[in-house]
């Protein structure tokens, strides 16, 4: 009998890496600058703008609400700079062009699996529930690319957004604010103090408030996350995996194992690429504890 929990946990890492490397890709950043995003900020602002493009019509506050730990200041800045849905669509198209270019250069052996996977994964994606999952639902509505590699990439991105929306519902259910979630995640990964919260754009005041709240709940003491805090973060991770088995169940056991075997090797190289373009702490969802 298939262990869907373990299959989901294993494949979540490659899902995240297949998509996440583009967030810091120099080819993407250069394209964002050409569209008017400021040098030095084009990477993070381009990530926000391209990712939220299908949902941008809902407005900045809706995007802030759906983006978890990402700084509201950064999201508001993107809206101030881009303004219209058409401009956000330009970021989306620029990102797609960079995806095809970057994959061909840095992980060419992922191209064939992506093209093969798309026709199988889209019928799976279409069956995933949208309720309570706004980013996933918005991505699902976007027209699918004609390019088979990009189509497979977008199908995986839908799985990623579906899992992400599910994860944030669990974080909220645990009563955690964005800085609190970052502090717990940071400690769970063993990163240096407050790195993750700062990387998401949290201010020092927000971080201090997060520590104070966690301390009041017994999840931290003396600016250290307690065993109870680590246990809560592990529970959220476990619950995320338990509640996101559906795509793999629909894809089937044999193809789910094929996905792991086909995607893990190129994804390891894409993660090495993140080490170069951003640093070894970035892409935390892809990092092994």
Protein backbone atom coordinates (compact mmCIF):
# COMPACT_ATOMS: atom_id res chain seq x y z
CA UNK A 1 0.00 0.00 0.00
CA UNK A 2 1.37 3.40 -0.98
CA UNK A 3 2.63 5.68 1.79
CA UNK A 4 1.13 8.89 0.45
CA UNK A 5 2.48 10.94 3.35
CA UNK A 6 6.08 10.02 2.52
CA UNK A 7 5.51 10.36 -1.22
CA UNK A 8 4.09 13.84 -0.66
CA UNK A 9 6.92 14.86 1.65
CA UNK A 10 9.55 13.67 -0.80
CA UNK A 11 8.00 15.21 -3.90
CA UNK A 12 7.16 18.54 -2.26
CA UNK A 13 10.86 19.37 -2.28
CA UNK A 14 11.20 18.92 -6.05
CA UNK A 15 7.93 20.79 -6.67
CA UNK A 16 9.30 23.74 -4.73
CA UNK A 17 12.71 23.63 -6.40
CA UNK A 18 11.36 23.26 -9.95
CA UNK A 19 9.61 26.59 -9.44
CA UNK A 20 11.62 28.48 -6.83
CA UNK A 21 15.02 28.76 -8.51
CA UNK A 22 13.59 31.40 -10.87
CA UNK A 23 13.01 33.82 -7.98
CA UNK A 24 16.69 34.82 -8.03
CA UNK A 25 17.64 34.00 -11.61
CA UNK A 26 19.73 36.79 -13.21
CA UNK A 27 17.94 36.32 -16.53
CA UNK A 28 14.61 36.98 -14.86
CA UNK A 29 15.99 39.93 -12.89
CA UNK A 30 17.36 41.54 -16.06
CA UNK A 31 13.97 41.24 -17.74
CA UNK A 32 12.22 42.79 -14.74
CA UNK A 33 14.59 45.75 -14.88
CA UNK A 34 13.78 46.21 -18.56
CA UNK A 35 10.13 46.49 -17.53
CA UNK A 36 10.94 49.31 -15.13
CA UNK A 37 11.64 47.67 -11.79
CA UNK A 38 14.52 49.43 -10.02
CA UNK A 39 18.03 47.99 -10.09
CA UNK A 40 18.88 46.39 -6.77
CA UNK A 41 15.22 45.61 -6.05
CA UNK A 42 14.14 44.04 -9.34
CA UNK A 43 14.68 40.50 -8.06
CA UNK A 44 12.39 40.50 -5.00
CA UNK A 45 9.87 42.90 -6.56
CA UNK A 46 9.83 40.88 -9.77
CA UNK A 47 9.23 37.70 -7.80
CA UNK A 48 6.27 39.30 -6.04
CA UNK A 49 4.85 40.84 -9.21
CA UNK A 50 5.19 37.79 -11.44
CA UNK A 51 3.86 35.40 -8.82
CA UNK A 52 0.83 37.53 -7.93
CA UNK A 53 0.03 38.48 -11.54
CA UNK A 54 -3.01 36.16 -11.83
CA UNK A 55 -4.36 37.56 -8.54
CA UNK A 56 -3.34 41.20 -8.98
CA UNK A 57 -6.83 42.26 -10.00
CA UNK A 58 -8.00 41.50 -6.46
CA UNK A 59 -5.83 44.36 -5.20
CA UNK A 60 -2.78 44.81 -3.01
CA UNK A 61 -4.43 43.98 0.30
CA UNK A 62 -5.76 40.68 -1.03
CA UNK A 63 -2.28 39.81 -2.28
CA UNK A 64 -0.77 40.76 1.09
CA UNK A 65 -3.29 38.49 2.82
CA UNK A 66 -2.40 35.55 0.58
CA UNK A 67 1.40 35.89 0.56
CA UNK A 68 2.12 34.74 4.09
CA UNK A 69 5.42 36.08 5.39
CA UNK A 70 6.32 38.32 2.43
CA UNK A 71 6.66 41.98 3.44
CA UNK A 72 3.54 44.09 2.81
CA UNK A 73 5.89 46.99 2.01
CA UNK A 74 7.32 45.07 -0.93
CA UNK A 75 3.90 44.09 -2.21
CA UNK A 76 2.64 47.66 -2.00
CA UNK A 77 5.77 48.85 -3.82
CA UNK A 78 5.11 46.47 -6.70
CA UNK A 79 1.56 47.72 -7.03
CA UNK A 80 2.76 51.32 -7.00
CA UNK A 81 5.26 50.57 -9.76
CA UNK A 82 3.17 48.29 -11.99
CA UNK A 83 -0.33 49.62 -11.45
CA UNK A 84 -2.41 47.71 -14.02
CA UNK A 85 -3.18 44.06 -14.63
CA UNK A 86 -1.58 44.42 -18.06
CA UNK A 87 1.72 45.48 -16.49
CA UNK A 88 1.62 42.54 -14.12
CA UNK A 89 1.01 40.29 -17.12
CA UNK A 90 4.25 41.64 -18.64
CA UNK A 91 6.14 40.46 -15.54
CA UNK A 92 4.48 37.06 -15.88
CA UNK A 93 5.58 36.78 -19.53
CA UNK A 94 9.11 37.94 -18.69
CA UNK A 95 9.35 35.31 -15.97
CA UNK A 96 8.15 32.59 -18.36
CA UNK A 97 10.80 33.52 -20.92
CA UNK A 98 13.47 33.36 -18.22
CA UNK A 99 12.19 29.96 -17.07
CA UNK A 100 12.66 28.40 -20.50
CA UNK A 101 16.07 30.00 -20.97
CA UNK A 102 17.32 29.13 -17.49
CA UNK A 103 16.13 25.52 -17.47
CA UNK A 104 17.76 24.87 -20.83
CA UNK A 105 21.03 26.27 -19.53
CA UNK A 106 21.17 24.94 -15.97
CA UNK A 107 19.03 21.76 -15.93
CA UNK A 108 18.45 20.57 -19.51
CA UNK A 109 17.54 17.08 -18.30
CA UNK A 110 14.37 18.47 -16.71
CA UNK A 111 12.96 19.60 -20.07
CA UNK A 112 11.77 16.20 -21.29
CA UNK A 113 10.17 15.20 -17.96
CA UNK A 114 8.35 18.53 -17.82
CA UNK A 115 6.99 18.11 -21.35
CA UNK A 116 5.95 14.53 -20.55
CA UNK A 117 4.33 15.43 -17.23
CA UNK A 118 2.13 18.32 -18.35
CA UNK A 119 -0.64 16.32 -20.11
CA UNK A 120 -0.85 13.98 -17.10
CA UNK A 121 -0.67 16.60 -14.38
CA UNK A 122 -3.20 19.13 -15.68
CA UNK A 123 -6.16 16.72 -15.24
CA UNK A 124 -4.92 16.19 -11.67
CA UNK A 125 -4.62 19.92 -11.02
CA UNK A 126 -8.15 20.48 -12.29
CA UNK A 127 -9.54 18.15 -9.60
CA UNK A 128 -7.92 19.90 -6.64
CA UNK A 129 -10.35 21.87 -4.46
CA UNK A 130 -10.12 25.64 -4.78
CA UNK A 131 -12.01 26.64 -1.63
CA UNK A 132 -9.76 28.57 0.74
CA UNK A 133 -6.94 28.56 -1.81
CA UNK A 134 -6.98 31.92 -3.61
CA UNK A 135 -3.51 31.91 -5.18
CA UNK A 136 -3.98 28.41 -6.53
CA UNK A 137 -7.42 29.27 -7.89
CA UNK A 138 -6.06 32.38 -9.62
CA UNK A 139 -3.21 30.42 -11.20
CA UNK A 140 -5.59 27.69 -12.35
CA UNK A 141 -7.57 30.24 -14.37
CA UNK A 142 -4.59 31.47 -16.43
CA UNK A 143 -4.40 30.27 -20.02
CA UNK A 144 -2.03 27.34 -20.37
CA UNK A 145 1.14 27.83 -22.40
CA UNK A 146 1.46 26.23 -25.82
CA UNK A 147 5.07 25.30 -25.12
CA UNK A 148 5.00 21.78 -23.61
CA UNK A 149 7.90 22.41 -21.22
CA UNK A 150 6.37 25.62 -19.93
CA UNK A 151 2.97 23.92 -19.68
CA UNK A 152 4.44 21.22 -17.45
CA UNK A 153 6.20 23.87 -15.37
CA UNK A 154 2.93 25.75 -14.86
CA UNK A 155 1.10 22.58 -13.86
CA UNK A 156 3.74 21.98 -11.17
CA UNK A 157 3.43 25.62 -10.13
CA UNK A 158 -0.29 25.08 -9.55
CA UNK A 159 0.52 22.14 -7.27
CA UNK A 160 2.99 24.37 -5.44
CA UNK A 161 0.46 27.16 -4.94
CA UNK A 162 -2.20 24.67 -3.80
CA UNK A 163 0.16 23.30 -1.19
CA UNK A 164 1.20 26.81 -0.16
CA UNK A 165 -2.36 27.98 0.37
CA UNK A 166 -3.00 24.85 2.44
CA UNK A 167 0.11 25.46 4.51
CA UNK A 168 -0.86 29.03 5.31
CA UNK A 169 -4.32 27.96 6.40
CA UNK A 170 -2.62 25.69 8.94
CA UNK A 171 -0.28 28.47 10.09
CA UNK A 172 -3.26 30.77 10.65
CA UNK A 173 -5.16 27.99 12.43
CA UNK A 174 -2.18 27.68 14.80
CA UNK A 175 -2.64 31.35 15.71
CA UNK A 176 0.68 32.52 14.28
CA UNK A 177 1.41 35.93 12.76
CA UNK A 178 3.81 36.23 9.83
CA UNK A 179 6.85 37.17 12.00
CA UNK A 180 6.03 34.42 14.50
CA UNK A 181 5.81 31.86 11.70
CA UNK A 182 9.17 33.02 10.33
CA UNK A 183 10.82 32.84 13.76
CA UNK A 184 9.60 29.28 14.33
CA UNK A 185 10.55 28.19 10.82
CA UNK A 186 14.00 29.76 11.21
CA UNK A 187 14.64 27.83 14.44
CA UNK A 188 13.23 24.61 12.97
CA UNK A 189 15.75 24.89 10.11
CA UNK A 190 18.62 25.82 12.43
CA UNK A 191 19.36 29.12 10.66
CA UNK A 192 21.16 31.99 12.35
CA UNK A 193 18.93 34.15 14.54
CA UNK A 194 16.13 36.02 12.74
CA UNK A 195 17.56 35.35 9.28
CA UNK A 196 14.33 34.07 7.77
CA UNK A 197 12.16 36.88 9.11
CA UNK A 198 14.58 39.51 7.82
CA UNK A 199 14.84 37.80 4.43
CA UNK A 200 11.06 38.15 4.09
CA UNK A 201 11.26 41.87 4.82
CA UNK A 202 10.03 41.89 8.42
CA UNK A 203 11.04 45.02 10.35
CA UNK A 204 12.93 44.88 13.63
CA UNK A 205 9.81 46.05 15.47
CA UNK A 206 7.77 43.25 13.89
CA UNK A 207 10.42 40.70 14.81
CA UNK A 208 10.52 41.91 18.40
CA UNK A 209 6.73 41.74 18.61
CA UNK A 210 6.89 38.20 17.23
CA UNK A 211 9.37 37.12 19.89
CA UNK A 212 7.25 38.71 22.62
CA UNK A 213 4.12 36.93 21.46
CA UNK A 214 5.86 33.56 21.16
CA UNK A 215 7.34 34.03 24.64
CA UNK A 216 3.92 34.76 26.08
CA UNK A 217 2.65 31.49 24.60
CA UNK A 218 5.58 29.45 25.94
CA UNK A 219 6.93 28.88 22.43
CA UNK A 220 10.08 30.93 23.08
CA UNK A 221 12.18 32.04 26.06
CA UNK A 222 15.13 34.46 26.17
CA UNK A 223 14.96 34.83 22.35
CA UNK A 224 15.29 31.10 21.82
CA UNK A 225 12.50 28.94 20.43
CA UNK A 226 11.52 26.29 22.96
CA UNK A 227 10.97 22.59 22.38
CA UNK A 228 7.25 23.34 22.28
CA UNK A 229 7.85 25.89 19.53
CA UNK A 230 9.86 23.43 17.45
CA UNK A 231 7.18 20.79 18.00
CA UNK A 232 4.49 23.17 16.76
CA UNK A 233 6.48 23.96 13.61
CA UNK A 234 7.01 20.24 12.99
CA UNK A 235 3.30 19.61 13.49
CA UNK A 236 2.46 22.27 10.90
CA UNK A 237 4.86 20.64 8.44
CA UNK A 238 3.45 17.18 9.09
CA UNK A 239 -0.13 18.43 8.77
CA UNK A 240 0.75 20.18 5.51
CA UNK A 241 2.05 16.92 4.08
CA UNK A 242 -0.97 14.97 5.34
CA UNK A 243 -3.40 17.44 3.81
CA UNK A 244 -1.66 17.72 0.42
CA UNK A 245 -1.45 14.07 -0.62
CA UNK A 246 -4.30 14.47 -3.12
CA UNK A 247 -2.28 15.42 -6.23
CA UNK A 248 -0.07 12.37 -5.86
CA UNK A 249 -2.96 10.04 -5.16
CA UNK A 250 -4.62 11.26 -8.35
CA UNK A 251 -1.40 10.97 -10.34
CA UNK A 252 -0.93 7.41 -9.07
CA UNK A 253 1.81 5.61 -7.19
CA UNK A 254 3.91 4.61 -10.20
CA UNK A 255 3.97 8.09 -11.72
CA UNK A 256 4.53 9.70 -8.34
CA UNK A 257 7.68 7.61 -7.92
CA UNK A 258 8.66 8.42 -11.50
CA UNK A 259 8.33 12.11 -10.66
CA UNK A 260 10.75 11.72 -7.75
CA UNK A 261 13.32 9.87 -9.82
CA UNK A 262 13.05 12.15 -12.85
CA UNK A 263 13.00 15.49 -11.07
CA UNK A 264 15.31 15.11 -8.08
CA UNK A 265 18.64 15.11 -10.00
CA UNK A 266 17.97 18.29 -12.03
CA UNK A 267 16.41 19.92 -8.99
CA UNK A 268 19.59 19.39 -7.01
CA UNK A 269 21.43 21.39 -9.66
CA UNK A 270 18.75 24.07 -9.60
CA UNK A 271 19.17 24.30 -5.84
CA UNK A 272 22.93 24.68 -6.34
CA UNK A 273 22.04 27.51 -8.69
CA UNK A 274 20.11 29.19 -5.87
CA UNK A 275 23.24 28.90 -3.70
CA UNK A 276 25.05 30.97 -6.33
CA UNK A 277 22.36 33.52 -7.19
CA UNK A 278 20.93 34.07 -3.69
CA UNK A 279 22.75 32.09 -0.99
CA UNK A 280 22.62 28.76 0.83
CA UNK A 281 19.78 29.74 3.18
CA UNK A 282 17.38 30.74 0.44
CA UNK A 283 14.71 28.43 -0.91
CA UNK A 284 14.14 27.06 2.62
CA UNK A 285 11.33 24.74 1.53
CA UNK A 286 13.91 22.84 -0.54
CA UNK A 287 16.50 22.53 2.22
CA UNK A 288 16.97 19.33 4.17
CA UNK A 289 16.93 19.75 7.94
